[in-house]
Amino acid sequence: DGGGEGEEEGEEEALVMAVDAAGREWTVYERDAEVEPHARRIRCRYDFVAASGERATQVNEHHYALPEQLSALLAAAGFEVERLCGGFEGEAFDEEESEHMVYRARLVR
């Protein structure tokens, strides 16, 4: 699972291992995201644990748009959508299943 509150880092799977500019090694854990569908917002919390025992937390807030909203924003900015894909390899877009919206658009003004 995404690592619930109260679980020890050793009992859960790390998201990634990283080394910062100072050469410190960090293990990064992603916590359960808070999803607010009505606001189209997702907050993800990441806990960082250094090999030295130092700890840090970061919260990222993501806002998302529905396909028709993003298409309208692109059109308002002078772009024509040529293709909408569900991934970076050109996979077909499925509104229920795709994790990404990748647009191919060209400036028309």
Protein backbone atom coordinates (compact mmCIF):
# COMPACT_ATOMS: atom_id res chain seq x y z
CA ASP A 1 0.00 0.00 0.00
CA GLY A 2 0.98 3.67 -0.08
CA GLY A 3 2.28 3.64 3.47
CA GLY A 4 -0.27 4.64 6.03
CA GLU A 5 0.27 6.71 9.10
CA GLY A 6 2.06 4.89 11.87
CA GLU A 7 3.90 2.42 9.67
CA GLU A 8 7.63 2.27 10.14
CA GLU A 9 9.70 3.05 7.04
CA GLY A 10 11.39 -0.36 7.26
CA GLU A 11 7.99 -2.07 6.89
CA GLU A 12 6.98 -0.35 3.68
CA GLU A 13 8.29 -0.09 0.19
CA ALA A 14 10.35 2.96 -0.69
CA LEU A 15 9.28 4.98 -3.70
CA VAL A 16 12.85 5.87 -4.69
CA MET A 17 16.39 6.22 -3.37
CA ALA A 18 18.14 9.53 -4.08
CA VAL A 19 21.41 11.35 -3.47
CA ASP A 20 21.31 15.12 -2.97
CA ALA A 21 23.87 17.72 -4.10
CA ALA A 22 25.72 17.36 -0.77
CA GLY A 23 26.11 13.61 -1.35
CA ARG A 24 23.56 12.57 1.31
CA GLU A 25 21.58 9.42 0.59
CA TRP A 26 17.80 9.64 1.03
CA THR A 27 15.00 7.10 0.96
CA VAL A 28 11.71 8.60 -0.23
CA TYR A 29 8.30 7.27 0.83
CA GLU A 30 5.06 8.35 -0.83
CA ARG A 31 2.12 8.59 1.58
CA ASP A 32 -1.52 8.08 0.70
CA ALA A 33 -2.70 10.92 -1.50
CA GLU A 34 -5.60 13.17 -0.54
CA VAL A 35 -7.93 13.32 -3.53
CA GLU A 36 -10.56 16.04 -3.86
CA PRO A 37 -12.45 15.18 -7.06
CA HIS A 38 -14.87 18.14 -6.83
CA ALA A 39 -11.90 20.55 -6.72
CA ARG A 40 -9.87 18.45 -9.20
CA ARG A 41 -6.98 18.49 -6.73
CA ILE A 42 -4.59 15.83 -5.44
CA ARG A 43 -2.16 16.38 -2.55
CA CYS A 44 0.74 13.95 -2.28
CA ARG A 45 3.00 13.82 0.77
CA TYR A 46 6.54 12.51 0.53
CA ASP A 47 8.66 11.64 3.56
CA PHE A 48 12.43 11.70 3.11
CA VAL A 49 14.70 9.77 5.45
CA ALA A 50 18.48 10.25 5.18
CA ALA A 51 20.96 7.52 5.97
CA SER A 52 22.10 9.83 8.79
CA GLY A 53 18.59 9.77 10.32
CA GLU A 54 17.69 13.29 9.17
CA ARG A 55 14.06 13.62 8.05
CA ALA A 56 12.11 15.96 5.81
CA THR A 57 8.60 16.11 4.38
CA GLN A 58 7.33 17.67 1.17
CA VAL A 59 3.73 18.09 0.01
CA ASN A 60 2.97 18.51 -3.68
CA GLU A 61 -0.43 19.74 -4.78
CA HIS A 62 -1.55 18.82 -8.27
CA HIS A 63 -4.49 20.36 -10.11
CA TYR A 64 -5.95 18.58 -13.05
CA ALA A 65 -8.25 19.47 -15.91
CA LEU A 66 -10.73 17.33 -17.78
CA PRO A 67 -9.94 16.67 -21.47
CA GLU A 68 -12.57 19.11 -22.77
CA GLN A 69 -11.32 21.82 -20.39
CA LEU A 70 -7.72 21.43 -21.47
CA SER A 71 -8.73 21.38 -25.15
CA ALA A 72 -10.66 24.63 -24.60
CA LEU A 73 -7.67 26.24 -22.84
CA LEU A 74 -5.39 25.27 -25.73
CA ALA A 75 -7.87 26.65 -28.27
CA ALA A 76 -8.18 29.91 -26.32
CA ALA A 77 -4.38 30.23 -26.44
CA GLY A 78 -4.39 29.82 -30.24
CA PHE A 79 -3.61 26.12 -30.54
CA GLU A 80 -5.35 23.49 -32.63
CA VAL A 81 -5.36 20.02 -31.07
CA GLU A 82 -4.17 17.46 -33.59
CA ARG A 83 -4.16 14.44 -31.29
CA LEU A 84 -4.85 13.43 -27.69
CA CYS A 85 -2.98 10.38 -26.39
CA GLY A 86 -3.20 8.50 -23.13
CA GLY A 87 0.57 8.22 -22.70
CA PHE A 88 3.96 9.35 -23.94
CA GLU A 89 4.26 6.43 -26.37
CA GLY A 90 1.12 7.46 -28.30
CA GLU A 91 -1.28 5.10 -26.52
CA ALA A 92 -4.97 5.65 -27.21
CA PHE A 93 -6.62 7.96 -24.68
CA ASP A 94 -9.29 6.38 -22.48
CA GLU A 95 -11.00 8.84 -20.13
CA GLU A 96 -11.62 6.11 -17.54
CA GLU A 97 -8.24 4.34 -17.70
CA SER A 98 -5.50 6.71 -18.92
CA GLU A 99 -3.23 8.23 -16.29
CA HIS A 100 -1.99 10.98 -18.62
CA MET A 101 -3.30 13.30 -21.30
CA VAL A 102 -0.63 13.99 -23.89
CA TYR A 103 -1.63 16.54 -26.50
CA ARG A 104 -0.18 17.15 -29.92
CA ALA A 105 -1.17 20.68 -30.85
CA ARG A 106 0.04 23.35 -33.20
CA LEU A 107 -0.13 27.11 -32.96
CA VAL A 108 -2.58 28.47 -35.54
CA ARG A 109 -2.42 32.22 -34.82
